[in-house]
N, C-alpha and C. Protein backbone atom coordinates (compact mmCIF):
# COMPACT_ATOMS: atom_id res chain seq x y z
N MET A 1 -4.67 5.66 0.28
CA MET A 1 -3.68 4.80 0.86
C MET A 1 -3.31 3.78 -0.18
N LEU A 2 -2.26 3.18 0.10
CA LEU A 2 -1.76 2.31 -0.90
C LEU A 2 -2.06 0.88 -0.54
N VAL A 3 -2.48 0.15 -1.34
CA VAL A 3 -2.66 -1.27 -1.29
C VAL A 3 -4.00 -1.77 -0.82
N ARG A 4 -4.66 -2.41 -1.68
CA ARG A 4 -5.86 -3.11 -1.26
C ARG A 4 -5.42 -4.47 -0.76
N LEU A 5 -4.89 -4.47 0.44
CA LEU A 5 -4.27 -5.68 0.97
C LEU A 5 -5.25 -6.57 1.71
N LEU A 6 -6.46 -6.16 1.81
CA LEU A 6 -7.36 -6.86 2.69
C LEU A 6 -7.92 -8.16 2.17
N ILE A 7 -7.63 -8.54 0.98
CA ILE A 7 -8.15 -9.79 0.46
C ILE A 7 -7.66 -10.98 1.25
N VAL A 8 -6.54 -10.84 1.89
CA VAL A 8 -5.99 -11.95 2.64
C VAL A 8 -6.76 -12.21 3.91
N LEU A 9 -7.76 -11.45 4.18
CA LEU A 9 -8.37 -11.48 5.49
C LEU A 9 -9.01 -12.80 5.87
N PHE A 10 -9.81 -13.38 4.99
CA PHE A 10 -10.54 -14.59 5.35
C PHE A 10 -10.13 -15.73 4.45
N LEU A 11 -8.92 -16.16 4.51
CA LEU A 11 -8.40 -17.13 3.55
C LEU A 11 -9.28 -18.36 3.44
N SER A 12 -9.72 -18.88 4.53
CA SER A 12 -10.47 -20.13 4.46
C SER A 12 -11.98 -19.93 4.58
N SER A 13 -12.44 -18.68 4.70
CA SER A 13 -13.86 -18.45 4.97
C SER A 13 -14.70 -18.20 3.74
N PHE A 14 -14.07 -18.04 2.57
CA PHE A 14 -14.83 -17.71 1.38
C PHE A 14 -14.85 -18.87 0.40
N THR A 15 -15.93 -18.95 -0.36
CA THR A 15 -15.96 -19.91 -1.45
C THR A 15 -15.09 -19.39 -2.57
N ASN A 16 -14.82 -20.20 -3.55
CA ASN A 16 -13.85 -19.86 -4.59
C ASN A 16 -14.56 -19.68 -5.93
N PRO A 17 -14.54 -18.56 -6.66
CA PRO A 17 -13.94 -17.29 -6.26
C PRO A 17 -14.84 -16.50 -5.32
N SER A 18 -14.28 -15.53 -4.61
CA SER A 18 -15.02 -14.78 -3.62
C SER A 18 -15.03 -13.30 -3.97
N LEU A 19 -16.19 -12.69 -3.85
CA LEU A 19 -16.31 -11.24 -3.98
C LEU A 19 -16.31 -10.68 -2.57
N ILE A 20 -15.32 -9.85 -2.27
CA ILE A 20 -15.13 -9.35 -0.91
C ILE A 20 -15.39 -7.84 -0.90
N HIS A 21 -16.33 -7.40 -0.05
CA HIS A 21 -16.60 -5.98 0.14
C HIS A 21 -15.89 -5.53 1.41
N TYR A 22 -15.23 -4.37 1.35
CA TYR A 22 -14.50 -3.91 2.52
C TYR A 22 -14.43 -2.40 2.55
N GLN A 23 -14.03 -1.87 3.72
CA GLN A 23 -13.85 -0.44 3.91
C GLN A 23 -12.52 -0.22 4.63
N ILE A 24 -11.71 0.69 4.10
CA ILE A 24 -10.51 1.13 4.82
C ILE A 24 -10.97 2.24 5.74
N LYS A 25 -10.85 2.03 7.04
CA LYS A 25 -11.49 2.89 8.02
C LYS A 25 -10.64 4.12 8.36
N LYS A 26 -11.33 5.11 8.93
CA LYS A 26 -10.68 6.33 9.39
C LYS A 26 -9.57 5.97 10.38
N GLY A 27 -8.47 6.68 10.32
CA GLY A 27 -7.33 6.38 11.18
C GLY A 27 -6.26 5.58 10.46
N SER A 28 -6.59 5.04 9.27
CA SER A 28 -5.59 4.34 8.47
C SER A 28 -4.58 5.34 7.94
N LYS A 29 -3.33 4.90 7.76
CA LYS A 29 -2.29 5.82 7.32
C LYS A 29 -1.37 5.19 6.31
N MET A 30 -0.86 6.03 5.43
CA MET A 30 0.27 5.68 4.59
C MET A 30 1.29 6.79 4.78
N VAL A 31 2.56 6.41 4.98
CA VAL A 31 3.62 7.40 5.18
C VAL A 31 4.73 7.13 4.19
N LEU A 32 5.19 8.19 3.55
CA LEU A 32 6.33 8.14 2.64
C LEU A 32 7.50 8.76 3.39
N LYS A 33 8.58 8.00 3.59
CA LYS A 33 9.74 8.48 4.34
C LYS A 33 10.95 8.55 3.42
N GLY A 34 11.65 9.68 3.50
CA GLY A 34 12.84 9.84 2.68
C GLY A 34 13.93 10.57 3.44
N LYS A 35 15.08 10.68 2.81
CA LYS A 35 16.23 11.34 3.43
C LYS A 35 16.82 12.34 2.45
N THR A 36 17.32 13.43 3.00
CA THR A 36 18.09 14.38 2.21
C THR A 36 19.48 14.47 2.81
N SER A 37 20.35 15.24 2.18
CA SER A 37 21.70 15.43 2.72
C SER A 37 21.67 16.24 4.01
N VAL A 38 20.52 16.82 4.33
CA VAL A 38 20.41 17.65 5.54
C VAL A 38 19.58 16.96 6.62
N LYS A 39 18.39 16.46 6.27
CA LYS A 39 17.53 15.81 7.28
C LYS A 39 16.54 14.86 6.61
N ASP A 40 15.83 14.11 7.45
CA ASP A 40 14.82 13.18 6.97
C ASP A 40 13.49 13.92 6.78
N PHE A 41 12.62 13.35 5.95
CA PHE A 41 11.29 13.91 5.82
C PHE A 41 10.26 12.79 5.81
N ASN A 42 9.07 13.11 6.32
CA ASN A 42 7.94 12.18 6.35
C ASN A 42 6.74 12.86 5.71
N CYS A 43 6.08 12.18 4.81
CA CYS A 43 4.87 12.69 4.17
C CYS A 43 3.76 11.70 4.43
N ALA A 44 2.73 12.12 5.16
CA ALA A 44 1.66 11.21 5.57
C ALA A 44 0.39 11.46 4.77
N CYS A 45 -0.34 10.39 4.54
CA CYS A 45 -1.64 10.47 3.88
C CYS A 45 -2.65 9.79 4.80
N ASP A 46 -3.64 10.54 5.24
CA ASP A 46 -4.72 9.92 6.04
C ASP A 46 -6.06 10.24 5.37
N ASP A 47 -6.07 10.07 4.06
CA ASP A 47 -7.25 10.33 3.24
C ASP A 47 -8.39 9.39 3.64
N THR A 48 -9.61 9.76 3.23
CA THR A 48 -10.77 8.90 3.46
C THR A 48 -11.01 8.06 2.22
N PHE A 49 -11.42 6.82 2.42
CA PHE A 49 -11.58 5.90 1.30
C PHE A 49 -13.01 5.41 1.22
N GLU A 50 -13.50 5.29 -0.01
CA GLU A 50 -14.84 4.78 -0.23
C GLU A 50 -14.87 3.27 -0.05
N ASN A 51 -16.08 2.74 0.15
CA ASN A 51 -16.23 1.28 0.19
C ASN A 51 -15.70 0.69 -1.12
N ALA A 52 -15.09 -0.47 -1.05
CA ALA A 52 -14.48 -1.08 -2.23
C ALA A 52 -14.77 -2.58 -2.23
N GLN A 53 -14.42 -3.21 -3.34
CA GLN A 53 -14.58 -4.66 -3.44
C GLN A 53 -13.49 -5.22 -4.32
N LEU A 54 -13.24 -6.50 -4.17
CA LEU A 54 -12.29 -7.20 -5.02
C LEU A 54 -12.69 -8.66 -5.10
N ILE A 55 -12.09 -9.37 -6.04
CA ILE A 55 -12.37 -10.79 -6.22
C ILE A 55 -11.10 -11.57 -5.89
N ALA A 56 -11.22 -12.61 -5.07
CA ALA A 56 -10.09 -13.46 -4.69
C ALA A 56 -10.39 -14.91 -5.06
N ARG A 57 -9.39 -15.56 -5.64
CA ARG A 57 -9.48 -16.99 -5.95
C ARG A 57 -8.34 -17.69 -5.22
N ILE A 58 -8.65 -18.74 -4.48
CA ILE A 58 -7.64 -19.44 -3.69
C ILE A 58 -7.34 -20.79 -4.32
N ASN A 59 -6.05 -21.05 -4.55
CA ASN A 59 -5.61 -22.35 -5.04
C ASN A 59 -5.38 -23.22 -3.81
N ASN A 60 -6.23 -24.22 -3.60
CA ASN A 60 -6.16 -25.02 -2.38
C ASN A 60 -4.87 -25.82 -2.24
N SER A 61 -4.23 -26.19 -3.35
CA SER A 61 -3.00 -26.98 -3.25
C SER A 61 -1.78 -26.10 -2.95
N THR A 62 -1.69 -24.92 -3.59
CA THR A 62 -0.52 -24.06 -3.35
C THR A 62 -0.79 -23.01 -2.29
N ARG A 63 -2.07 -22.79 -1.95
CA ARG A 63 -2.52 -21.77 -1.00
C ARG A 63 -2.32 -20.35 -1.53
N GLN A 64 -1.97 -20.23 -2.81
CA GLN A 64 -1.81 -18.90 -3.41
C GLN A 64 -3.19 -18.29 -3.67
N ILE A 65 -3.30 -16.98 -3.41
CA ILE A 65 -4.53 -16.25 -3.66
C ILE A 65 -4.29 -15.37 -4.89
N ASP A 66 -5.15 -15.50 -5.89
CA ASP A 66 -5.08 -14.66 -7.08
C ASP A 66 -6.18 -13.61 -7.00
N PHE A 67 -5.86 -12.37 -7.41
CA PHE A 67 -6.81 -11.27 -7.28
C PHE A 67 -7.25 -10.72 -8.62
N ASP A 68 -8.51 -10.28 -8.66
CA ASP A 68 -9.04 -9.48 -9.77
C ASP A 68 -9.57 -8.18 -9.17
N LYS A 69 -9.42 -7.11 -9.90
CA LYS A 69 -9.95 -5.81 -9.49
C LYS A 69 -9.45 -5.39 -8.13
N ALA A 70 -8.20 -5.68 -7.85
CA ALA A 70 -7.61 -5.34 -6.55
C ALA A 70 -6.65 -4.17 -6.73
N ASN A 71 -7.21 -3.01 -7.05
CA ASN A 71 -6.41 -1.80 -7.24
C ASN A 71 -6.63 -0.85 -6.08
N PHE A 72 -5.56 -0.15 -5.72
CA PHE A 72 -5.61 0.78 -4.61
C PHE A 72 -4.90 2.05 -5.03
N ASN A 73 -5.57 3.19 -4.90
CA ASN A 73 -4.99 4.46 -5.33
C ASN A 73 -4.73 5.39 -4.15
N VAL A 74 -3.60 6.06 -4.21
CA VAL A 74 -3.27 7.11 -3.24
C VAL A 74 -3.14 8.41 -4.02
N LYS A 75 -3.92 9.39 -3.65
CA LYS A 75 -3.86 10.69 -4.32
C LYS A 75 -2.58 11.41 -3.88
N ILE A 76 -1.72 11.73 -4.83
CA ILE A 76 -0.42 12.34 -4.51
C ILE A 76 -0.61 13.64 -3.74
N LYS A 77 -1.58 14.44 -4.14
CA LYS A 77 -1.76 15.73 -3.48
C LYS A 77 -2.36 15.60 -2.08
N SER A 78 -2.72 14.38 -1.67
CA SER A 78 -3.18 14.18 -0.29
C SER A 78 -2.01 13.87 0.66
N LEU A 79 -0.79 13.72 0.10
CA LEU A 79 0.39 13.50 0.95
C LEU A 79 0.81 14.82 1.58
N ASP A 80 0.90 14.84 2.90
CA ASP A 80 1.25 16.06 3.64
C ASP A 80 2.60 15.88 4.32
N CYS A 81 3.57 16.68 3.90
CA CYS A 81 4.93 16.61 4.45
C CYS A 81 5.14 17.67 5.53
N SER A 82 4.08 18.31 5.99
CA SER A 82 4.12 19.36 7.02
C SER A 82 4.91 20.58 6.58
N ASN A 83 5.02 20.76 5.27
CA ASN A 83 5.72 21.92 4.72
C ASN A 83 5.19 22.12 3.31
N LYS A 84 4.56 23.28 3.05
CA LYS A 84 3.90 23.47 1.76
C LYS A 84 4.89 23.46 0.60
N PHE A 85 6.14 23.88 0.83
CA PHE A 85 7.13 23.86 -0.24
C PHE A 85 7.52 22.43 -0.61
N ILE A 86 7.70 21.59 0.43
CA ILE A 86 8.02 20.17 0.17
C ILE A 86 6.82 19.49 -0.48
N ASN A 87 5.60 19.81 -0.02
CA ASN A 87 4.40 19.25 -0.64
C ASN A 87 4.37 19.57 -2.14
N ASN A 88 4.63 20.83 -2.48
CA ASN A 88 4.61 21.24 -3.89
C ASN A 88 5.72 20.56 -4.68
N ASP A 89 6.93 20.46 -4.08
CA ASP A 89 8.05 19.82 -4.77
C ASP A 89 7.78 18.34 -4.98
N LEU A 90 7.16 17.69 -3.99
CA LEU A 90 6.82 16.27 -4.13
C LEU A 90 5.82 16.08 -5.27
N ALA A 91 4.79 16.91 -5.30
CA ALA A 91 3.77 16.81 -6.36
C ALA A 91 4.41 17.04 -7.73
N THR A 92 5.34 18.00 -7.82
CA THR A 92 6.02 18.27 -9.09
C THR A 92 6.90 17.09 -9.49
N SER A 93 7.68 16.56 -8.53
CA SER A 93 8.59 15.44 -8.82
C SER A 93 7.83 14.20 -9.28
N LEU A 94 6.64 13.97 -8.70
CA LEU A 94 5.84 12.79 -9.04
C LEU A 94 4.89 13.04 -10.21
N LYS A 95 5.00 14.23 -10.81
CA LYS A 95 4.17 14.59 -11.99
C LYS A 95 2.68 14.43 -11.70
N ALA A 96 2.28 14.99 -10.56
CA ALA A 96 0.90 14.81 -10.08
C ALA A 96 -0.14 15.40 -11.01
N GLU A 97 0.20 16.42 -11.77
CA GLU A 97 -0.78 17.01 -12.69
C GLU A 97 -1.17 16.01 -13.77
N LYS A 98 -0.19 15.26 -14.27
CA LYS A 98 -0.45 14.29 -15.33
C LYS A 98 -0.82 12.91 -14.78
N HIS A 99 -0.20 12.54 -13.65
CA HIS A 99 -0.43 11.22 -13.02
C HIS A 99 -0.79 11.46 -11.55
N PRO A 100 -2.06 11.78 -11.25
CA PRO A 100 -2.42 12.23 -9.90
C PRO A 100 -2.40 11.17 -8.80
N PHE A 101 -2.28 9.88 -9.19
CA PHE A 101 -2.34 8.82 -8.17
C PHE A 101 -1.12 7.93 -8.22
N ILE A 102 -0.75 7.42 -7.06
CA ILE A 102 0.12 6.24 -6.96
C ILE A 102 -0.84 5.06 -6.95
N ASN A 103 -0.65 4.11 -7.85
CA ASN A 103 -1.56 2.98 -7.95
C ASN A 103 -0.85 1.68 -7.58
N VAL A 104 -1.50 0.87 -6.77
CA VAL A 104 -1.00 -0.45 -6.44
C VAL A 104 -2.03 -1.47 -6.90
N GLU A 105 -1.60 -2.39 -7.75
CA GLU A 105 -2.47 -3.48 -8.18
C GLU A 105 -1.96 -4.77 -7.57
N MET A 106 -2.79 -5.40 -6.75
CA MET A 106 -2.41 -6.68 -6.15
C MET A 106 -2.64 -7.79 -7.15
N LEU A 107 -1.65 -8.66 -7.30
CA LEU A 107 -1.75 -9.79 -8.24
C LEU A 107 -1.98 -11.10 -7.51
N THR A 108 -1.07 -11.42 -6.59
CA THR A 108 -1.16 -12.69 -5.85
C THR A 108 -0.70 -12.48 -4.41
N ALA A 109 -1.14 -13.37 -3.54
CA ALA A 109 -0.67 -13.38 -2.14
C ALA A 109 -0.44 -14.81 -1.72
N VAL A 110 0.62 -15.01 -0.95
CA VAL A 110 0.93 -16.34 -0.40
C VAL A 110 1.11 -16.20 1.10
N PRO A 111 0.36 -16.98 1.90
CA PRO A 111 0.53 -16.90 3.36
C PRO A 111 1.84 -17.55 3.79
N ASN A 112 2.51 -16.94 4.75
CA ASN A 112 3.73 -17.51 5.33
C ASN A 112 3.42 -18.19 6.66
N HIS A 113 2.26 -18.82 6.72
CA HIS A 113 1.84 -19.57 7.91
C HIS A 113 1.00 -20.75 7.44
N GLN A 114 0.75 -21.69 8.34
CA GLN A 114 0.03 -22.91 7.97
C GLN A 114 -1.39 -22.97 8.54
N GLU A 115 -1.78 -21.98 9.31
CA GLU A 115 -3.09 -22.05 9.97
C GLU A 115 -4.22 -21.90 8.97
N GLN A 116 -5.27 -22.69 9.15
CA GLN A 116 -6.44 -22.64 8.26
C GLN A 116 -7.42 -21.55 8.69
N GLU A 117 -7.43 -21.24 9.98
CA GLU A 117 -8.34 -20.21 10.47
C GLU A 117 -7.54 -19.20 11.29
N LEU A 118 -7.75 -17.92 11.02
CA LEU A 118 -6.99 -16.88 11.71
C LEU A 118 -7.51 -16.67 13.12
N GLN A 119 -6.58 -16.58 14.07
CA GLN A 119 -6.92 -16.38 15.48
C GLN A 119 -6.93 -14.88 15.80
N VAL A 120 -7.79 -14.48 16.72
CA VAL A 120 -7.89 -13.08 17.13
C VAL A 120 -6.59 -12.65 17.82
N ASN A 121 -6.15 -11.43 17.50
CA ASN A 121 -4.97 -10.78 18.10
C ASN A 121 -3.65 -11.51 17.84
N LYS A 122 -3.60 -12.31 16.79
CA LYS A 122 -2.36 -12.96 16.40
C LYS A 122 -1.93 -12.41 15.04
N ALA A 123 -0.63 -12.11 14.89
CA ALA A 123 -0.12 -11.55 13.64
C ALA A 123 0.23 -12.68 12.67
N TYR A 124 -0.16 -12.49 11.40
CA TYR A 124 0.12 -13.44 10.33
C TYR A 124 0.84 -12.73 9.20
N LYS A 125 1.80 -13.42 8.59
CA LYS A 125 2.61 -12.80 7.53
C LYS A 125 2.22 -13.35 6.17
N TYR A 126 2.25 -12.45 5.16
CA TYR A 126 1.92 -12.78 3.78
C TYR A 126 2.96 -12.14 2.86
N CYS A 127 3.17 -12.77 1.72
CA CYS A 127 4.00 -12.21 0.66
C CYS A 127 3.07 -11.86 -0.49
N ILE A 128 3.02 -10.58 -0.87
CA ILE A 128 2.07 -10.13 -1.89
C ILE A 128 2.83 -9.57 -3.09
N LYS A 129 2.52 -10.10 -4.26
CA LYS A 129 3.10 -9.59 -5.51
C LYS A 129 2.17 -8.52 -6.06
N THR A 130 2.77 -7.38 -6.41
CA THR A 130 1.99 -6.24 -6.88
C THR A 130 2.63 -5.62 -8.12
N LEU A 131 1.86 -4.75 -8.74
CA LEU A 131 2.40 -3.80 -9.72
C LEU A 131 2.16 -2.41 -9.14
N ILE A 132 3.23 -1.64 -8.96
CA ILE A 132 3.09 -0.28 -8.43
C ILE A 132 3.38 0.70 -9.56
N SER A 133 2.44 1.62 -9.76
CA SER A 133 2.57 2.64 -10.80
C SER A 133 2.75 4.01 -10.15
N ILE A 134 3.84 4.69 -10.53
CA ILE A 134 4.14 6.04 -10.04
C ILE A 134 4.61 6.86 -11.24
N SER A 135 4.06 8.03 -11.39
CA SER A 135 4.48 8.96 -12.46
C SER A 135 4.42 8.32 -13.84
N GLY A 136 3.44 7.46 -14.05
CA GLY A 136 3.26 6.85 -15.36
C GLY A 136 4.12 5.63 -15.63
N LYS A 137 4.95 5.22 -14.66
CA LYS A 137 5.80 4.04 -14.80
C LYS A 137 5.27 2.94 -13.88
N THR A 138 5.23 1.70 -14.39
CA THR A 138 4.73 0.56 -13.62
C THR A 138 5.84 -0.46 -13.44
N LYS A 139 6.05 -0.88 -12.18
CA LYS A 139 7.09 -1.86 -11.87
C LYS A 139 6.53 -2.94 -10.94
N PRO A 140 6.96 -4.21 -11.12
CA PRO A 140 6.56 -5.25 -10.16
C PRO A 140 7.27 -5.03 -8.83
N GLN A 141 6.54 -5.20 -7.74
CA GLN A 141 7.11 -5.06 -6.40
C GLN A 141 6.52 -6.14 -5.50
N THR A 142 7.32 -6.68 -4.60
CA THR A 142 6.85 -7.66 -3.62
C THR A 142 6.73 -6.99 -2.26
N LEU A 143 5.58 -7.13 -1.62
CA LEU A 143 5.35 -6.55 -0.31
C LEU A 143 5.26 -7.65 0.74
N ASN A 144 5.95 -7.44 1.86
CA ASN A 144 5.79 -8.31 3.02
C ASN A 144 4.77 -7.66 3.94
N VAL A 145 3.69 -8.38 4.19
CA VAL A 145 2.54 -7.82 4.89
C VAL A 145 2.29 -8.59 6.18
N THR A 146 1.93 -7.85 7.23
CA THR A 146 1.49 -8.46 8.48
C THR A 146 0.01 -8.14 8.68
N LEU A 147 -0.77 -9.17 8.96
CA LEU A 147 -2.21 -9.04 9.14
C LEU A 147 -2.57 -9.49 10.55
N LYS A 148 -3.37 -8.68 11.25
CA LYS A 148 -3.84 -9.06 12.59
C LYS A 148 -5.35 -8.97 12.63
N LYS A 149 -5.98 -10.06 13.03
CA LYS A 149 -7.44 -10.12 13.15
C LYS A 149 -7.84 -9.54 14.51
N ILE A 150 -8.71 -8.52 14.48
CA ILE A 150 -9.18 -7.89 15.72
C ILE A 150 -10.47 -8.55 16.18
N ASN A 151 -11.36 -8.82 15.25
CA ASN A 151 -12.60 -9.56 15.52
C ASN A 151 -13.08 -10.13 14.18
N ALA A 152 -14.31 -10.62 14.13
CA ALA A 152 -14.79 -11.31 12.93
C ALA A 152 -14.78 -10.43 11.69
N LYS A 153 -14.87 -9.10 11.84
CA LYS A 153 -14.95 -8.22 10.68
C LYS A 153 -13.80 -7.24 10.55
N ASN A 154 -13.01 -7.06 11.58
CA ASN A 154 -12.00 -6.00 11.57
C ASN A 154 -10.57 -6.54 11.66
N TYR A 155 -9.70 -5.91 10.86
CA TYR A 155 -8.31 -6.34 10.74
C TYR A 155 -7.39 -5.13 10.69
N ILE A 156 -6.15 -5.34 11.12
CA ILE A 156 -5.10 -4.33 10.95
C ILE A 156 -4.06 -4.91 10.00
N ILE A 157 -3.71 -4.14 8.98
CA ILE A 157 -2.74 -4.57 7.99
C ILE A 157 -1.56 -3.61 8.00
N ASN A 158 -0.36 -4.14 8.17
CA ASN A 158 0.86 -3.34 8.14
C ASN A 158 1.78 -3.84 7.04
N ALA A 159 2.41 -2.91 6.35
CA ALA A 159 3.38 -3.27 5.31
C ALA A 159 4.35 -2.12 5.14
N CYS A 160 5.54 -2.43 4.67
CA CYS A 160 6.48 -1.39 4.30
C CYS A 160 7.28 -1.86 3.10
N LYS A 161 7.72 -0.91 2.29
CA LYS A 161 8.47 -1.23 1.09
C LYS A 161 9.43 -0.08 0.79
N VAL A 162 10.70 -0.42 0.55
CA VAL A 162 11.68 0.57 0.11
C VAL A 162 11.76 0.49 -1.41
N ILE A 163 11.58 1.64 -2.07
CA ILE A 163 11.69 1.68 -3.52
C ILE A 163 12.71 2.74 -3.92
N SER A 164 13.27 2.59 -5.10
CA SER A 164 14.20 3.58 -5.65
C SER A 164 13.44 4.47 -6.61
N MET A 165 13.54 5.78 -6.39
CA MET A 165 12.84 6.71 -7.28
C MET A 165 13.38 6.62 -8.70
N SER A 166 14.66 6.30 -8.84
CA SER A 166 15.24 6.20 -10.18
C SER A 166 14.62 5.06 -10.99
N ASP A 167 14.12 4.01 -10.31
CA ASP A 167 13.43 2.92 -11.02
C ASP A 167 12.18 3.44 -11.74
N TYR A 168 11.60 4.51 -11.21
CA TYR A 168 10.41 5.10 -11.80
C TYR A 168 10.74 6.38 -12.59
N GLU A 169 12.03 6.58 -12.83
CA GLU A 169 12.52 7.75 -13.58
C GLU A 169 12.07 9.05 -12.94
N ILE A 170 12.06 9.06 -11.60
CA ILE A 170 11.69 10.26 -10.85
C ILE A 170 12.97 11.00 -10.47
N GLN A 171 13.01 12.29 -10.78
CA GLN A 171 14.12 13.14 -10.36
C GLN A 171 13.58 14.10 -9.32
N PRO A 172 13.89 13.85 -8.04
CA PRO A 172 13.31 14.68 -6.98
C PRO A 172 13.73 16.14 -7.12
N LYS A 173 12.75 17.02 -6.93
CA LYS A 173 13.00 18.46 -6.97
C LYS A 173 13.24 18.92 -5.55
N SER A 174 14.33 19.64 -5.34
CA SER A 174 14.66 20.15 -4.02
C SER A 174 14.45 21.66 -4.00
N PRO A 175 13.88 22.21 -2.90
CA PRO A 175 13.66 23.65 -2.84
C PRO A 175 14.97 24.44 -2.80
N ILE A 176 16.04 23.80 -2.34
CA ILE A 176 17.34 24.48 -2.25
C ILE A 176 18.35 23.62 -3.00
N LYS A 177 19.05 24.19 -3.94
CA LYS A 177 19.86 23.41 -4.87
C LYS A 177 20.95 22.57 -4.22
N PHE A 178 21.53 23.05 -3.11
CA PHE A 178 22.63 22.28 -2.51
C PHE A 178 22.13 21.10 -1.67
N ILE A 179 20.82 21.02 -1.42
CA ILE A 179 20.27 19.88 -0.68
C ILE A 179 20.02 18.73 -1.67
N LYS A 180 20.60 17.58 -1.39
CA LYS A 180 20.43 16.41 -2.24
C LYS A 180 19.42 15.46 -1.60
N ILE A 181 18.47 14.99 -2.39
CA ILE A 181 17.47 14.03 -1.91
C ILE A 181 17.93 12.64 -2.28
N LYS A 182 17.95 11.72 -1.30
CA LYS A 182 18.39 10.34 -1.54
C LYS A 182 17.41 9.62 -2.46
N ASP A 183 17.93 8.64 -3.20
CA ASP A 183 17.14 7.94 -4.21
C ASP A 183 16.08 7.02 -3.58
N GLU A 184 16.40 6.42 -2.45
CA GLU A 184 15.47 5.45 -1.86
C GLU A 184 14.47 6.13 -0.94
N VAL A 185 13.21 5.71 -1.06
CA VAL A 185 12.16 6.15 -0.14
C VAL A 185 11.47 4.90 0.43
N ARG A 186 10.95 5.06 1.61
CA ARG A 186 10.27 3.96 2.30
C ARG A 186 8.79 4.30 2.39
N ILE A 187 7.95 3.35 1.94
CA ILE A 187 6.50 3.52 2.04
C ILE A 187 5.99 2.59 3.14
N GLU A 188 5.27 3.16 4.10
CA GLU A 188 4.72 2.37 5.21
C GLU A 188 3.20 2.50 5.21
N PHE A 189 2.53 1.37 5.46
CA PHE A 189 1.08 1.34 5.55
C PHE A 189 0.65 0.82 6.90
N ASN A 190 -0.36 1.45 7.46
CA ASN A 190 -1.02 0.95 8.65
C ASN A 190 -2.52 1.12 8.39
N LEU A 191 -3.18 0.05 7.99
CA LEU A 191 -4.57 0.12 7.55
C LEU A 191 -5.50 -0.60 8.52
N ASN A 192 -6.57 0.07 8.87
CA ASN A 192 -7.67 -0.55 9.63
C ASN A 192 -8.75 -0.90 8.63
N VAL A 193 -9.05 -2.18 8.51
CA VAL A 193 -9.95 -2.66 7.45
C VAL A 193 -11.15 -3.38 8.06
N GLU A 194 -12.31 -3.06 7.52
CA GLU A 194 -13.54 -3.76 7.94
C GLU A 194 -14.13 -4.50 6.75
N ILE A 195 -14.37 -5.80 6.93
CA ILE A 195 -15.06 -6.59 5.93
C ILE A 195 -16.56 -6.39 6.11
N GLN A 196 -17.26 -6.13 5.01
CA GLN A 196 -18.70 -5.81 5.12
C GLN A 196 -19.57 -6.93 4.61
């Protein structure tokens, strides 16, 4: 899945800097949505993720969170478009043999709320600056993220981002020549995260 977005979880609960251990739990999803001249397509990834950790530093005056070691990889061949031909074309277009992962590196996060302590079952918004690498090209991207605290250790993180494949010099391969694939794709995340 894309994005180690969970650092925002305990903004006021950690000392500075904080080493945060977490797990992206089963049931988390990343979906890549695109359009062709004929119909839309959805490619979902519900891969399993190992326990991970990252370092967060909070600037108390600006409330900005700076991250170290906050990388998140999505294996391209784990994306399932419910059609083996589209799966193969996607892997070819994204140069999966040479660059097998989509990588998201989180740089900074800024909360779009003023609360010092997160309340259970309330949604909070964050603006996260990242570097996203696809097919060997890295571009800065800003993600708008919604975080909901379920209990003291569990959170749901949602985000979506529209990117242009041409920004990453990706030329989509179509199984049928007269079908045109649109340049913009939408990446959606729905992550269940447990702090350990």
